[in-house]
Amino acid sequence: MNLIRILKALGDGTRLSIVNLLRVETLCVCEIEAIIQSSQSNVSRHLGKLRDAGIIYSEKKSQWVYYGINMELVNQYSFIKTLLKEDLAKHPEYQEELAKLKIYREQNSGCQNAEDIGV
């Protein structure tokens, strides 16, 4: 994988938000959209850049596509592991999004009712 492409993909706040959420669990576009409060097209565009860089993978389940962290890449580049486990934890905005993810899960929300959660 091209290191420059990886660094460029990680050089955006929205993409860092997405990676921060995906380090916890796999999510579909509508779930990410609800948590980071962004449009479907914007989330999809950022997911595409992360996937093209090899940082995330996608997996189709029923009618939804779920995204997760490519752990092979994370293990290959230790700075990504440090970013995910240590550096993002120092920034309140990323911690707030993890709190929203927790609320989202406590409400047992899924793709079917992602727009109704109000997080």
PDB file of N, CA and C in Angstrom:
ATOM      1  N   MET A   1       0.851  -1.179   0.000  1.00  0.00           N
ATOM      2  CA  MET A   1       0.000   0.000   0.000  1.00  0.00           C
ATOM      3  C   MET A   1       0.889   1.232   0.000  1.00  0.00           C
ATOM      4  N   ASN A   2       0.467   2.243  -0.671  1.00  0.00           N
ATOM      5  CA  ASN A   2       1.214   3.481  -0.814  1.00  0.00           C
ATOM      6  C   ASN A   2       1.109   4.318   0.467  1.00  0.00           C
ATOM      7  N   LEU A   3       2.244   4.554   1.123  1.00  0.00           N
ATOM      8  CA  LEU A   3       2.268   5.294   2.382  1.00  0.00           C
ATOM      9  C   LEU A   3       1.734   6.715   2.220  1.00  0.00           C
ATOM     10  N   ILE A   4       2.049   7.361   1.128  1.00  0.00           N
ATOM     11  CA  ILE A   4       1.556   8.726   0.898  1.00  0.00           C
ATOM     12  C   ILE A   4       0.032   8.735   0.812  1.00  0.00           C
ATOM     13  N   ARG A   5      -0.536   7.754   0.149  1.00  0.00           N
ATOM     14  CA  ARG A   5      -1.998   7.656   0.035  1.00  0.00           C
ATOM     15  C   ARG A   5      -2.631   7.457   1.421  1.00  0.00           C
ATOM     16  N   ILE A   6      -1.989   6.646   2.251  1.00  0.00           N
ATOM     17  CA  ILE A   6      -2.483   6.406   3.614  1.00  0.00           C
ATOM     18  C   ILE A   6      -2.454   7.696   4.421  1.00  0.00           C
ATOM     19  N   LEU A   7      -1.330   8.397   4.359  1.00  0.00           N
ATOM     20  CA  LEU A   7      -1.197   9.643   5.117  1.00  0.00           C
ATOM     21  C   LEU A   7      -2.197  10.696   4.645  1.00  0.00           C
ATOM     22  N   LYS A   8      -2.406  10.786   3.347  1.00  0.00           N
ATOM     23  CA  LYS A   8      -3.393  11.737   2.818  1.00  0.00           C
ATOM     24  C   LYS A   8      -4.799  11.380   3.301  1.00  0.00           C
ATOM     25  N   ALA A   9      -5.107  10.100   3.310  1.00  0.00           N
ATOM     26  CA  ALA A   9      -6.434   9.665   3.752  1.00  0.00           C
ATOM     27  C   ALA A   9      -6.660   9.989   5.226  1.00  0.00           C
ATOM     28  N   LEU A  10      -5.614   9.896   6.024  1.00  0.00           N
ATOM     29  CA  LEU A  10      -5.737  10.180   7.454  1.00  0.00           C
ATOM     30  C   LEU A  10      -5.637  11.672   7.763  1.00  0.00           C
ATOM     31  N   GLY A  11      -5.376  12.480   6.753  1.00  0.00           N
ATOM     32  CA  GLY A  11      -5.185  13.912   6.949  1.00  0.00           C
ATOM     33  C   GLY A  11      -6.457  14.728   6.866  1.00  0.00           C
ATOM     34  N   ASP A  12      -7.572  14.167   7.246  1.00  0.00           N
ATOM     35  CA  ASP A  12      -8.855  14.864   7.181  1.00  0.00           C
ATOM     36  C   ASP A  12      -9.637  14.569   8.462  1.00  0.00           C
ATOM     37  N   GLY A  13     -10.223  15.586   9.059  1.00  0.00           N
ATOM     38  CA  GLY A  13     -10.947  15.420  10.313  1.00  0.00           C
ATOM     39  C   GLY A  13     -12.127  14.473  10.233  1.00  0.00           C
ATOM     40  N   THR A  14     -12.883  14.540   9.158  1.00  0.00           N
ATOM     41  CA  THR A  14     -14.031  13.636   9.006  1.00  0.00           C
ATOM     42  C   THR A  14     -13.564  12.199   8.883  1.00  0.00           C
ATOM     43  N   ARG A  15     -12.510  11.973   8.122  1.00  0.00           N
ATOM     44  CA  ARG A  15     -12.000  10.605   7.977  1.00  0.00           C
ATOM     45  C   ARG A  15     -11.428  10.091   9.297  1.00  0.00           C
ATOM     46  N   LEU A  16     -10.805  10.969  10.076  1.00  0.00           N
ATOM     47  CA  LEU A  16     -10.325  10.551  11.399  1.00  0.00           C
ATOM     48  C   LEU A  16     -11.503  10.194  12.304  1.00  0.00           C
ATOM     49  N   SER A  17     -12.591  10.936  12.207  1.00  0.00           N
ATOM     50  CA  SER A  17     -13.794  10.608  12.977  1.00  0.00           C
ATOM     51  C   SER A  17     -14.307   9.223  12.607  1.00  0.00           C
ATOM     52  N   ILE A  18     -14.348   8.943  11.330  1.00  0.00           N
ATOM     53  CA  ILE A  18     -14.831   7.649  10.855  1.00  0.00           C
ATOM     54  C   ILE A  18     -13.915   6.528  11.333  1.00  0.00           C
ATOM     55  N   VAL A  19     -12.620   6.699  11.188  1.00  0.00           N
ATOM     56  CA  VAL A  19     -11.658   5.680  11.623  1.00  0.00           C
ATOM     57  C   VAL A  19     -11.765   5.472  13.131  1.00  0.00           C
ATOM     58  N   ASN A  20     -11.945   6.547  13.872  1.00  0.00           N
ATOM     59  CA  ASN A  20     -12.090   6.461  15.320  1.00  0.00           C
ATOM     60  C   ASN A  20     -13.288   5.588  15.698  1.00  0.00           C
ATOM     61  N   LEU A  21     -14.400   5.750  15.005  1.00  0.00           N
ATOM     62  CA  LEU A  21     -15.584   4.929  15.267  1.00  0.00           C
ATOM     63  C   LEU A  21     -15.372   3.483  14.843  1.00  0.00           C
ATOM     64  N   LEU A  22     -14.755   3.302  13.688  1.00  0.00           N
ATOM     65  CA  LEU A  22     -14.574   1.948  13.161  1.00  0.00           C
ATOM     66  C   LEU A  22     -13.560   1.142  13.957  1.00  0.00           C
ATOM     67  N   ARG A  23     -12.727   1.800  14.736  1.00  0.00           N
ATOM     68  CA  ARG A  23     -11.781   1.041  15.561  1.00  0.00           C
ATOM     69  C   ARG A  23     -12.510   0.309  16.682  1.00  0.00           C
ATOM     70  N   VAL A  24     -13.736   0.767  16.991  1.00  0.00           N
ATOM     71  CA  VAL A  24     -14.532   0.155  18.044  1.00  0.00           C
ATOM     72  C   VAL A  24     -15.367  -1.001  17.499  1.00  0.00           C
ATOM     73  N   GLU A  25     -15.975  -0.796  16.336  1.00  0.00           N
ATOM     74  CA  GLU A  25     -16.818  -1.835  15.734  1.00  0.00           C
ATOM     75  C   GLU A  25     -17.087  -1.517  14.268  1.00  0.00           C
ATOM     76  N   THR A  26     -17.568  -2.517  13.555  1.00  0.00           N
ATOM     77  CA  THR A  26     -17.946  -2.291  12.164  1.00  0.00           C
ATOM     78  C   THR A  26     -19.278  -1.537  12.144  1.00  0.00           C
ATOM     79  N   LEU A  27     -19.413  -0.658  11.169  1.00  0.00           N
ATOM     80  CA  LEU A  27     -20.614   0.167  11.046  1.00  0.00           C
ATOM     81  C   LEU A  27     -20.986   0.309   9.582  1.00  0.00           C
ATOM     82  N   CYS A  28     -22.261   0.584   9.325  1.00  0.00           N
ATOM     83  CA  CYS A  28     -22.686   0.872   7.958  1.00  0.00           C
ATOM     84  C   CYS A  28     -22.752   2.387   7.761  1.00  0.00           C
ATOM     85  N   VAL A  29     -22.935   2.801   6.533  1.00  0.00           N
ATOM     86  CA  VAL A  29     -22.944   4.229   6.198  1.00  0.00           C
ATOM     87  C   VAL A  29     -23.988   4.982   7.010  1.00  0.00           C
ATOM     88  N   CYS A  30     -25.193   4.446   7.103  1.00  0.00           N
ATOM     89  CA  CYS A  30     -26.255   5.181   7.797  1.00  0.00           C
ATOM     90  C   CYS A  30     -25.954   5.338   9.284  1.00  0.00           C
ATOM     91  N   GLU A  31     -25.267   4.370   9.881  1.00  0.00           N
ATOM     92  CA  GLU A  31     -24.891   4.498  11.290  1.00  0.00           C
ATOM     93  C   GLU A  31     -23.829   5.584  11.469  1.00  0.00           C
ATOM     94  N   ILE A  32     -22.824   5.572  10.614  1.00  0.00           N
ATOM     95  CA  ILE A  32     -21.771   6.591  10.677  1.00  0.00           C
ATOM     96  C   ILE A  32     -22.377   7.970  10.445  1.00  0.00           C
ATOM     97  N   GLU A  33     -23.245   8.045   9.464  1.00  0.00           N
ATOM     98  CA  GLU A  33     -23.923   9.303   9.117  1.00  0.00           C
ATOM     99  C   GLU A  33     -24.662   9.872  10.332  1.00  0.00           C
ATOM    100  N   ALA A  34     -25.385   9.014  11.051  1.00  0.00           N
ATOM    101  CA  ALA A  34     -26.151   9.462  12.215  1.00  0.00           C
ATOM    102  C   ALA A  34     -25.241   9.915  13.351  1.00  0.00           C
ATOM    103  N   ILE A  35     -24.143   9.225  13.555  1.00  0.00           N
ATOM    104  CA  ILE A  35     -23.262   9.532  14.684  1.00  0.00           C
ATOM    105  C   ILE A  35     -22.443  10.795  14.443  1.00  0.00           C
ATOM    106  N   ILE A  36     -21.873  10.938  13.247  1.00  0.00           N
ATOM    107  CA  ILE A  36     -21.044  12.130  13.009  1.00  0.00           C
ATOM    108  C   ILE A  36     -21.854  13.287  12.418  1.00  0.00           C
ATOM    109  N   GLN A  37     -23.141  13.046  12.211  1.00  0.00           N
ATOM    110  CA  GLN A  37     -24.068  14.063  11.709  1.00  0.00           C
ATOM    111  C   GLN A  37     -23.569  14.687  10.412  1.00  0.00           C
ATOM    112  N   SER A  38     -23.422  13.824   9.437  1.00  0.00           N
ATOM    113  CA  SER A  38     -22.986  14.238   8.108  1.00  0.00           C
ATOM    114  C   SER A  38     -23.901  13.585   7.085  1.00  0.00           C
ATOM    115  N   SER A  39     -23.898  14.087   5.885  1.00  0.00           N
ATOM    116  CA  SER A  39     -24.765  13.534   4.843  1.00  0.00           C
ATOM    117  C   SER A  39     -24.249  12.181   4.359  1.00  0.00           C
ATOM    118  N   GLN A  40     -25.155  11.398   3.804  1.00  0.00           N
ATOM    119  CA  GLN A  40     -24.799  10.079   3.284  1.00  0.00           C
ATOM    120  C   GLN A  40     -23.751  10.192   2.200  1.00  0.00           C
ATOM    121  N   SER A  41     -23.901  11.164   1.315  1.00  0.00           N
ATOM    122  CA  SER A  41     -22.944  11.298   0.214  1.00  0.00           C
ATOM    123  C   SER A  41     -21.559  11.682   0.728  1.00  0.00           C
ATOM    124  N   ASN A  42     -21.504  12.535   1.734  1.00  0.00           N
ATOM    125  CA  ASN A  42     -20.226  12.939   2.313  1.00  0.00           C
ATOM    126  C   ASN A  42     -19.547  11.755   3.008  1.00  0.00           C
ATOM    127  N   VAL A  43     -20.305  11.018   3.804  1.00  0.00           N
ATOM    128  CA  VAL A  43     -19.750   9.842   4.492  1.00  0.00           C
ATOM    129  C   VAL A  43     -19.267   8.820   3.472  1.00  0.00           C
ATOM    130  N   SER A  44     -20.056   8.562   2.451  1.00  0.00           N
ATOM    131  CA  SER A  44     -19.670   7.589   1.421  1.00  0.00           C
ATOM    132  C   SER A  44     -18.389   8.003   0.703  1.00  0.00           C
ATOM    133  N   ARG A  45     -18.267   9.279   0.417  1.00  0.00           N
ATOM    134  CA  ARG A  45     -17.059   9.780  -0.250  1.00  0.00           C
ATOM    135  C   ARG A  45     -15.824   9.550   0.627  1.00  0.00           C
ATOM    136  N   HIS A  46     -15.936   9.861   1.906  1.00  0.00           N
ATOM    137  CA  HIS A  46     -14.810   9.671   2.817  1.00  0.00           C
ATOM    138  C   HIS A  46     -14.497   8.185   3.015  1.00  0.00           C
ATOM    139  N   LEU A  47     -15.524   7.365   3.096  1.00  0.00           N
ATOM    140  CA  LEU A  47     -15.300   5.921   3.208  1.00  0.00           C
ATOM    141  C   LEU A  47     -14.563   5.397   1.981  1.00  0.00           C
ATOM    142  N   GLY A  48     -14.913   5.902   0.818  1.00  0.00           N
ATOM    143  CA  GLY A  48     -14.237   5.498  -0.413  1.00  0.00           C
ATOM    144  C   GLY A  48     -12.754   5.820  -0.380  1.00  0.00           C
ATOM    145  N   LYS A  49     -12.411   6.994   0.116  1.00  0.00           N
ATOM    146  CA  LYS A  49     -10.994   7.372   0.200  1.00  0.00           C
ATOM    147  C   LYS A  49     -10.250   6.505   1.202  1.00  0.00           C
ATOM    148  N   LEU A  50     -10.885   6.205   2.325  1.00  0.00           N
ATOM    149  CA  LEU A  50     -10.252   5.335   3.317  1.00  0.00           C
ATOM    150  C   LEU A  50     -10.088   3.915   2.780  1.00  0.00           C
ATOM    151  N   ARG A  51     -11.090   3.435   2.066  1.00  0.00           N
ATOM    152  CA  ARG A  51     -11.014   2.093   1.480  1.00  0.00           C
ATOM    153  C   ARG A  51      -9.960   2.039   0.381  1.00  0.00           C
ATOM    154  N   ASP A  52      -9.900   3.066  -0.459  1.00  0.00           N
ATOM    155  CA  ASP A  52      -8.895   3.109  -1.526  1.00  0.00           C
ATOM    156  C   ASP A  52      -7.477   3.117  -0.969  1.00  0.00           C
ATOM    157  N   ALA A  53      -7.306   3.709   0.210  1.00  0.00           N
ATOM    158  CA  ALA A  53      -5.986   3.747   0.848  1.00  0.00           C
ATOM    159  C   ALA A  53      -5.680   2.448   1.590  1.00  0.00           C
ATOM    160  N   GLY A  54      -6.673   1.563   1.696  1.00  0.00           N
ATOM    161  CA  GLY A  54      -6.465   0.284   2.369  1.00  0.00           C
ATOM    162  C   GLY A  54      -6.641   0.338   3.869  1.00  0.00           C
ATOM    163  N   ILE A  55      -7.106   1.457   4.400  1.00  0.00           N
ATOM    164  CA  ILE A  55      -7.245   1.624   5.844  1.00  0.00           C
ATOM    165  C   ILE A  55      -8.464   0.881   6.378  1.00  0.00           C
ATOM    166  N   ILE A  56      -9.505   0.811   5.574  1.00  0.00           N
ATOM    167  CA  ILE A  56     -10.717   0.106   5.972  1.00  0.00           C
ATOM    168  C   ILE A  56     -11.086  -0.918   4.907  1.00  0.00           C
ATOM    169  N   TYR A  57     -11.981  -1.823   5.285  1.00  0.00           N
ATOM    170  CA  TYR A  57     -12.526  -2.800   4.341  1.00  0.00           C
ATOM    171  C   TYR A  57     -14.047  -2.666   4.365  1.00  0.00           C
ATOM    172  N   SER A  58     -14.682  -3.193   3.360  1.00  0.00           N
ATOM    173  CA  SER A  58     -16.143  -3.201   3.328  1.00  0.00           C
ATOM    174  C   SER A  58     -16.626  -4.633   3.161  1.00  0.00           C
ATOM    175  N   GLU A  59     -17.797  -4.891   3.742  1.00  0.00           N
ATOM    176  CA  GLU A  59     -18.377  -6.229   3.695  1.00  0.00           C
ATOM    177  C   GLU A  59     -19.892  -6.094   3.588  1.00  0.00           C
ATOM    178  N   LYS A  60     -20.480  -6.716   2.583  1.00  0.00           N
ATOM    179  CA  LYS A  60     -21.924  -6.627   2.380  1.00  0.00           C
ATOM    180  C   LYS A  60     -22.628  -7.676   3.238  1.00  0.00           C
ATOM    181  N   LYS A  61     -23.610  -7.206   4.005  1.00  0.00           N
ATOM    182  CA  LYS A  61     -24.453  -8.088   4.812  1.00  0.00           C
ATOM    183  C   LYS A  61     -25.896  -7.715   4.509  1.00  0.00           C
ATOM    184  N   SER A  62     -26.607  -8.629   3.905  1.00  0.00           N
ATOM    185  CA  SER A  62     -27.979  -8.369   3.495  1.00  0.00           C
ATOM    186  C   SER A  62     -27.994  -7.165   2.550  1.00  0.00           C
ATOM    187  N   GLN A  63     -28.771  -6.141   2.854  1.00  0.00           N
ATOM    188  CA  GLN A  63     -28.834  -4.988   1.953  1.00  0.00           C
ATOM    189  C   GLN A  63     -27.886  -3.866   2.358  1.00  0.00           C
ATOM    190  N   TRP A  64     -27.114  -4.057   3.438  1.00  0.00           N
ATOM    191  CA  TRP A  64     -26.215  -3.013   3.918  1.00  0.00           C
ATOM    192  C   TRP A  64     -24.756  -3.405   3.720  1.00  0.00           C
ATOM    193  N   VAL A  65     -23.925  -2.382   3.578  1.00  0.00           N
ATOM    194  CA  VAL A  65     -22.481  -2.580   3.493  1.00  0.00           C
ATOM    195  C   VAL A  65     -21.883  -2.061   4.794  1.00  0.00           C
ATOM    196  N   TYR A  66     -21.137  -2.933   5.463  1.00  0.00           N
ATOM    197  CA  TYR A  66     -20.488  -2.570   6.725  1.00  0.00           C
ATOM    198  C   TYR A  66     -19.010  -2.329   6.485  1.00  0.00           C
ATOM    199  N   TYR A  67     -18.464  -1.412   7.263  1.00  0.00           N
ATOM    200  CA  TYR A  67     -17.060  -1.026   7.137  1.00  0.00           C
ATOM    201  C   TYR A  67     -16.344  -1.293   8.450  1.00  0.00           C
ATOM    202  N   GLY A  68     -15.079  -1.687   8.333  1.00  0.00           N
ATOM    203  CA  GLY A  68     -14.259  -1.933   9.513  1.00  0.00           C
ATOM    204  C   GLY A  68     -12.809  -1.582   9.223  1.00  0.00           C
ATOM    205  N   ILE A  69     -12.004  -1.577  10.269  1.00  0.00           N
ATOM    206  CA  ILE A  69     -10.579  -1.255  10.159  1.00  0.00           C
ATOM    207  C   ILE A  69      -9.823  -2.448   9.592  1.00  0.00           C
ATOM    208  N   ASN A  70      -8.935  -2.194   8.659  1.00  0.00           N
ATOM    209  CA  ASN A  70      -8.053  -3.215   8.090  1.00  0.00           C
ATOM    210  C   ASN A  70      -6.895  -3.424   9.069  1.00  0.00           C
ATOM    211  N   MET A  71      -7.016  -4.427   9.929  1.00  0.00           N
ATOM    212  CA  MET A  71      -6.020  -4.640  10.980  1.00  0.00           C
ATOM    213  C   MET A  71      -4.661  -5.055  10.426  1.00  0.00           C
ATOM    214  N   GLU A  72      -4.626  -5.665   9.267  1.00  0.00           N
ATOM    215  CA  GLU A  72      -3.330  -5.996   8.657  1.00  0.00           C
ATOM    216  C   GLU A  72      -2.530  -4.723   8.404  1.00  0.00           C
ATOM    217  N   LEU A  73      -3.191  -3.708   7.884  1.00  0.00           N
ATOM    218  CA  LEU A  73      -2.511  -2.437   7.621  1.00  0.00           C
ATOM    219  C   LEU A  73      -2.104  -1.759   8.925  1.00  0.00           C
ATOM    220  N   VAL A  74      -2.987  -1.789   9.909  1.00  0.00           N
ATOM    221  CA  VAL A  74      -2.687  -1.187  11.210  1.00  0.00           C
ATOM    222  C   VAL A  74      -1.457  -1.847  11.823  1.00  0.00           C
ATOM    223  N   ASN A  75      -1.381  -3.155  11.729  1.00  0.00           N
ATOM    224  CA  ASN A  75      -0.234  -3.871  12.283  1.00  0.00           C
ATOM    225  C   ASN A  75       1.037  -3.624  11.477  1.00  0.00           C
ATOM    226  N   GLN A  76       0.884  -3.347  10.207  1.00  0.00           N
ATOM    227  CA  GLN A  76       2.043  -3.075   9.350  1.00  0.00           C
ATOM    228  C   GLN A  76       2.649  -1.706   9.649  1.00  0.00           C
ATOM    229  N   TYR A  77       1.810  -0.723   9.951  1.00  0.00           N
ATOM    230  CA  TYR A  77       2.272   0.643  10.216  1.00  0.00           C
ATOM    231  C   TYR A  77       1.942   0.999  11.663  1.00  0.00           C
ATOM    232  N   SER A  78       2.926   0.930  12.522  1.00  0.00           N
ATOM    233  CA  SER A  78       2.697   1.138  13.956  1.00  0.00           C
ATOM    234  C   SER A  78       2.152   2.529  14.276  1.00  0.00           C
ATOM    235  N   PHE A  79       2.449   3.519  13.447  1.00  0.00           N
ATOM    236  CA  PHE A  79       1.942   4.865  13.729  1.00  0.00           C
ATOM    237  C   PHE A  79       0.420   4.917  13.652  1.00  0.00           C
ATOM    238  N   ILE A  80      -0.185   4.063  12.845  1.00  0.00           N
ATOM    239  CA  ILE A  80      -1.650   4.032  12.759  1.00  0.00           C
ATOM    240  C   ILE A  80      -2.220   3.480  14.062  1.00  0.00           C
ATOM    241  N   LYS A  81      -1.593   2.439  14.587  1.00  0.00           N
ATOM    242  CA  LYS A  81      -2.033   1.864  15.855  1.00  0.00           C
ATOM    243  C   LYS A  81      -1.930   2.908  16.969  1.00  0.00           C
ATOM    244  N   THR A  82      -0.831   3.652  16.992  1.00  0.00           N
ATOM    245  CA  THR A  82      -0.651   4.707  17.991  1.00  0.00           C
ATOM    246  C   THR A  82      -1.717   5.784  17.827  1.00  0.00           C
ATOM    247  N   LEU A  83      -1.981   6.177  16.603  1.00  0.00           N
ATOM    248  CA  LEU A  83      -3.012   7.177  16.327  1.00  0.00           C
ATOM    249  C   LEU A  83      -4.361   6.716  16.864  1.00  0.00           C
ATOM    250  N   LEU A  84      -4.722   5.475  16.567  1.00  0.00           N
ATOM    251  CA  LEU A  84      -6.026   4.959  16.957  1.00  0.00           C
ATOM    252  C   LEU A  84      -6.153   4.757  18.461  1.00  0.00           C
ATOM    253  N   LYS A  85      -5.133   4.224  19.089  1.00  0.00           N
ATOM    254  CA  LYS A  85      -5.237   3.855  20.502  1.00  0.00           C
ATOM    255  C   LYS A  85      -4.863   4.965  21.465  1.00  0.00           C
ATOM    256  N   GLU A  86      -4.020   5.891  21.047  1.00  0.00           N
ATOM    257  CA  GLU A  86      -3.532   6.899  21.987  1.00  0.00           C
ATOM    258  C   GLU A  86      -3.859   8.328  21.562  1.00  0.00           C
ATOM    259  N   ASP A  87      -3.508   8.693  20.368  1.00  0.00           N
ATOM    260  CA  ASP A  87      -3.597  10.095  19.958  1.00  0.00           C
ATOM    261  C   ASP A  87      -5.034  10.608  19.861  1.00  0.00           C
ATOM    262  N   LEU A  88      -5.928   9.838  19.272  1.00  0.00           N
ATOM    263  CA  LEU A  88      -7.314  10.305  19.143  1.00  0.00           C
ATOM    264  C   LEU A  88      -7.995  10.424  20.503  1.00  0.00           C
ATOM    265  N   ALA A  89      -7.531   9.652  21.487  1.00  0.00           N
ATOM    266  CA  ALA A  89      -8.103   9.708  22.836  1.00  0.00           C
ATOM    267  C   ALA A  89      -7.840  11.045  23.517  1.00  0.00           C
ATOM    268  N   LYS A  90      -6.894  11.802  23.025  1.00  0.00           N
ATOM    269  CA  LYS A  90      -6.542  13.089  23.626  1.00  0.00           C
ATOM    270  C   LYS A  90      -7.424  14.233  23.124  1.00  0.00           C
ATOM    271  N   HIS A  91      -8.247  13.979  22.145  1.00  0.00           N
ATOM    272  CA  HIS A  91      -9.051  15.035  21.530  1.00  0.00           C
ATOM    273  C   HIS A  91     -10.529  14.866  21.898  1.00  0.00           C
ATOM    274  N   PRO A  92     -11.111  15.864  22.559  1.00  0.00           N
ATOM    275  CA  PRO A  92     -12.500  15.764  23.026  1.00  0.00           C
ATOM    276  C   PRO A  92     -13.519  15.464  21.930  1.00  0.00           C
ATOM    277  N   GLU A  93     -13.328  16.029  20.735  1.00  0.00           N
ATOM    278  CA  GLU A  93     -14.333  15.808  19.685  1.00  0.00           C
ATOM    279  C   GLU A  93     -14.436  14.334  19.293  1.00  0.00           C
ATOM    280  N   TYR A  94     -13.315  13.628  19.309  1.00  0.00           N
ATOM    281  CA  TYR A  94     -13.351  12.207  18.964  1.00  0.00           C
ATOM    282  C   TYR A  94     -13.937  11.385  20.107  1.00  0.00           C
ATOM    283  N   GLN A  95     -13.706  11.816  21.338  1.00  0.00           N
ATOM    284  CA  GLN A  95     -14.293  11.139  22.489  1.00  0.00           C
ATOM    285  C   GLN A  95     -15.806  11.351  22.530  1.00  0.00           C
ATOM    286  N   GLU A  96     -16.259  12.533  22.139  1.00  0.00           N
ATOM    287  CA  GLU A  96     -17.701  12.801  22.074  1.00  0.00           C
ATOM    288  C   GLU A  96     -18.379  11.881  21.066  1.00  0.00           C
ATOM    289  N   GLU A  97     -17.717  11.646  19.950  1.00  0.00           N
ATOM    290  CA  GLU A  97     -18.301  10.751  18.940  1.00  0.00           C
ATOM    291  C   GLU A  97     -18.357   9.315  19.447  1.00  0.00           C
ATOM    292  N   LEU A  98     -17.367   8.903  20.227  1.00  0.00           N
ATOM    293  CA  LEU A  98     -17.420   7.565  20.823  1.00  0.00           C
ATOM    294  C   LEU A  98     -18.557   7.476  21.837  1.00  0.00           C
ATOM    295  N   ALA A  99     -18.809   8.555  22.566  1.00  0.00           N
ATOM    296  CA  ALA A  99     -19.934   8.583  23.499  1.00  0.00           C
ATOM    297  C   ALA A  99     -21.257   8.480  22.738  1.00  0.00           C
ATOM    298  N   LYS A 100     -21.353   9.153  21.599  1.00  0.00           N
ATOM    299  CA  LYS A 100     -22.553   9.049  20.758  1.00  0.00           C
ATOM    300  C   LYS A 100     -22.741   7.625  20.252  1.00  0.00           C
ATOM    301  N   LEU A 101     -21.637   6.966  19.897  1.00  0.00           N
ATOM    302  CA  LEU A 101     -21.713   5.572  19.449  1.00  0.00           C
ATOM    303  C   LEU A 101     -22.253   4.695  20.571  1.00  0.00           C
ATOM    304  N   LYS A 102     -21.807   4.935  21.792  1.00  0.00           N
ATOM    305  CA  LYS A 102     -22.282   4.154  22.940  1.00  0.00           C
ATOM    306  C   LYS A 102     -23.785   4.352  23.136  1.00  0.00           C
ATOM    307  N   ILE A 103     -24.237   5.601  23.072  1.00  0.00           N
ATOM    308  CA  ILE A 103     -25.672   5.893  23.190  1.00  0.00           C
ATOM    309  C   ILE A 103     -26.440   5.201  22.069  1.00  0.00           C
ATOM    310  N   TYR A 104     -25.901   5.283  20.882  1.00  0.00           N
ATOM    311  CA  TYR A 104     -26.510   4.652  19.713  1.00  0.00           C
ATOM    312  C   TYR A 104     -26.715   3.163  19.960  1.00  0.00           C
ATOM    313  N   ARG A 105     -25.695   2.499  20.483  1.00  0.00           N
ATOM    314  CA  ARG A 105     -25.781   1.061  20.740  1.00  0.00           C
ATOM    315  C   ARG A 105     -26.719   0.746  21.897  1.00  0.00           C
ATOM    316  N   GLU A 106     -26.740   1.590  22.920  1.00  0.00           N
ATOM    317  CA  GLU A 106     -27.639   1.367  24.054  1.00  0.00           C
ATOM    318  C   GLU A 106     -29.095   1.436  23.630  1.00  0.00           C
ATOM    319  N   GLN A 107     -29.371   2.211  22.602  1.00  0.00           N
ATOM    320  CA  GLN A 107     -30.735   2.322  22.089  1.00  0.00           C
ATOM    321  C   GLN A 107     -31.070   1.177  21.137  1.00  0.00           C
ATOM    322  N   ASN A 108     -30.124   0.238  20.980  1.00  0.00           N
ATOM    323  CA  ASN A 108     -30.294  -0.907  20.084  1.00  0.00           C
ATOM    324  C   ASN A 108     -30.650  -0.481  18.674  1.00  0.00           C
ATOM    325  N   SER A 109     -30.115   0.622  18.271  1.00  0.00           N
ATOM    326  CA  SER A 109     -30.392   1.125  16.932  1.00  0.00           C
ATOM    327  C   SER A 109     -29.600   0.344  15.903  1.00  0.00           C
ATOM    328  N   GLY A 110     -30.153   0.240  14.753  1.00  0.00           N
ATOM    329  CA  GLY A 110     -29.466  -0.385  13.636  1.00  0.00           C
ATOM    330  C   GLY A 110     -29.717   0.434  12.395  1.00  0.00           C
ATOM    331  N   CYS A 111     -29.340  -0.104  11.282  1.00  0.00           N
ATOM    332  CA  CYS A 111     -29.502   0.622  10.025  1.00  0.00           C
ATOM    333  C   CYS A 111     -30.959   0.991   9.757  1.00  0.00           C
ATOM    334  N   GLN A 112     -31.868   0.159  10.192  1.00  0.00           N
ATOM    335  CA  GLN A 112     -33.273   0.393   9.891  1.00  0.00           C
ATOM    336  C   GLN A 112     -33.789   1.691  10.500  1.00  0.00           C
ATOM    337  N   ASN A 113     -33.257   2.094  11.672  1.00  0.00           N
ATOM    338  CA  ASN A 113     -33.780   3.290  12.324  1.00  0.00           C
ATOM    339  C   ASN A 113     -32.680   4.257  12.725  1.00  0.00           C
ATOM    340  N   ALA A 114     -31.622   4.319  11.955  1.00  0.00           N
ATOM    341  CA  ALA A 114     -30.477   5.180  12.279  1.00  0.00           C
ATOM    342  C   ALA A 114     -30.858   6.649  12.318  1.00  0.00           C
ATOM    343  N   GLU A 115     -31.799   7.066  11.501  1.00  0.00           N
ATOM    344  CA  GLU A 115     -32.159   8.480  11.438  1.00  0.00           C
ATOM    345  C   GLU A 115     -32.985   8.917  12.637  1.00  0.00           C
ATOM    346  N   ASP A 116     -33.536   7.970  13.380  1.00  0.00           N
ATOM    347  CA  ASP A 116     -34.447   8.306  14.466  1.00  0.00           C
ATOM    348  C   ASP A 116     -33.783   8.400  15.831  1.00  0.00           C
ATOM    349  N   ILE A 117     -32.467   8.232  15.913  1.00  0.00           N
ATOM    350  CA  ILE A 117     -31.845   8.127  17.229  1.00  0.00           C
ATOM    351  C   ILE A 117     -31.610   9.459  17.903  1.00  0.00           C
ATOM    352  N   GLY A 118     -31.433  10.506  17.142  1.00  0.00           N
ATOM    353  CA  GLY A 118     -31.249  11.820  17.720  1.00  0.00           C
ATOM    354  C   GLY A 118     -29.970  12.001  18.515  1.00  0.00           C
ATOM    355  N   VAL A 119     -28.896  11.312  18.149  1.00  0.00           N
ATOM    356  CA  VAL A 119     -27.614  11.527  18.845  1.00  0.00           C
ATOM    357  C   VAL A 119     -26.903  12.706  18.262  1.00  0.00           C
TER     358      VAL A 119
END
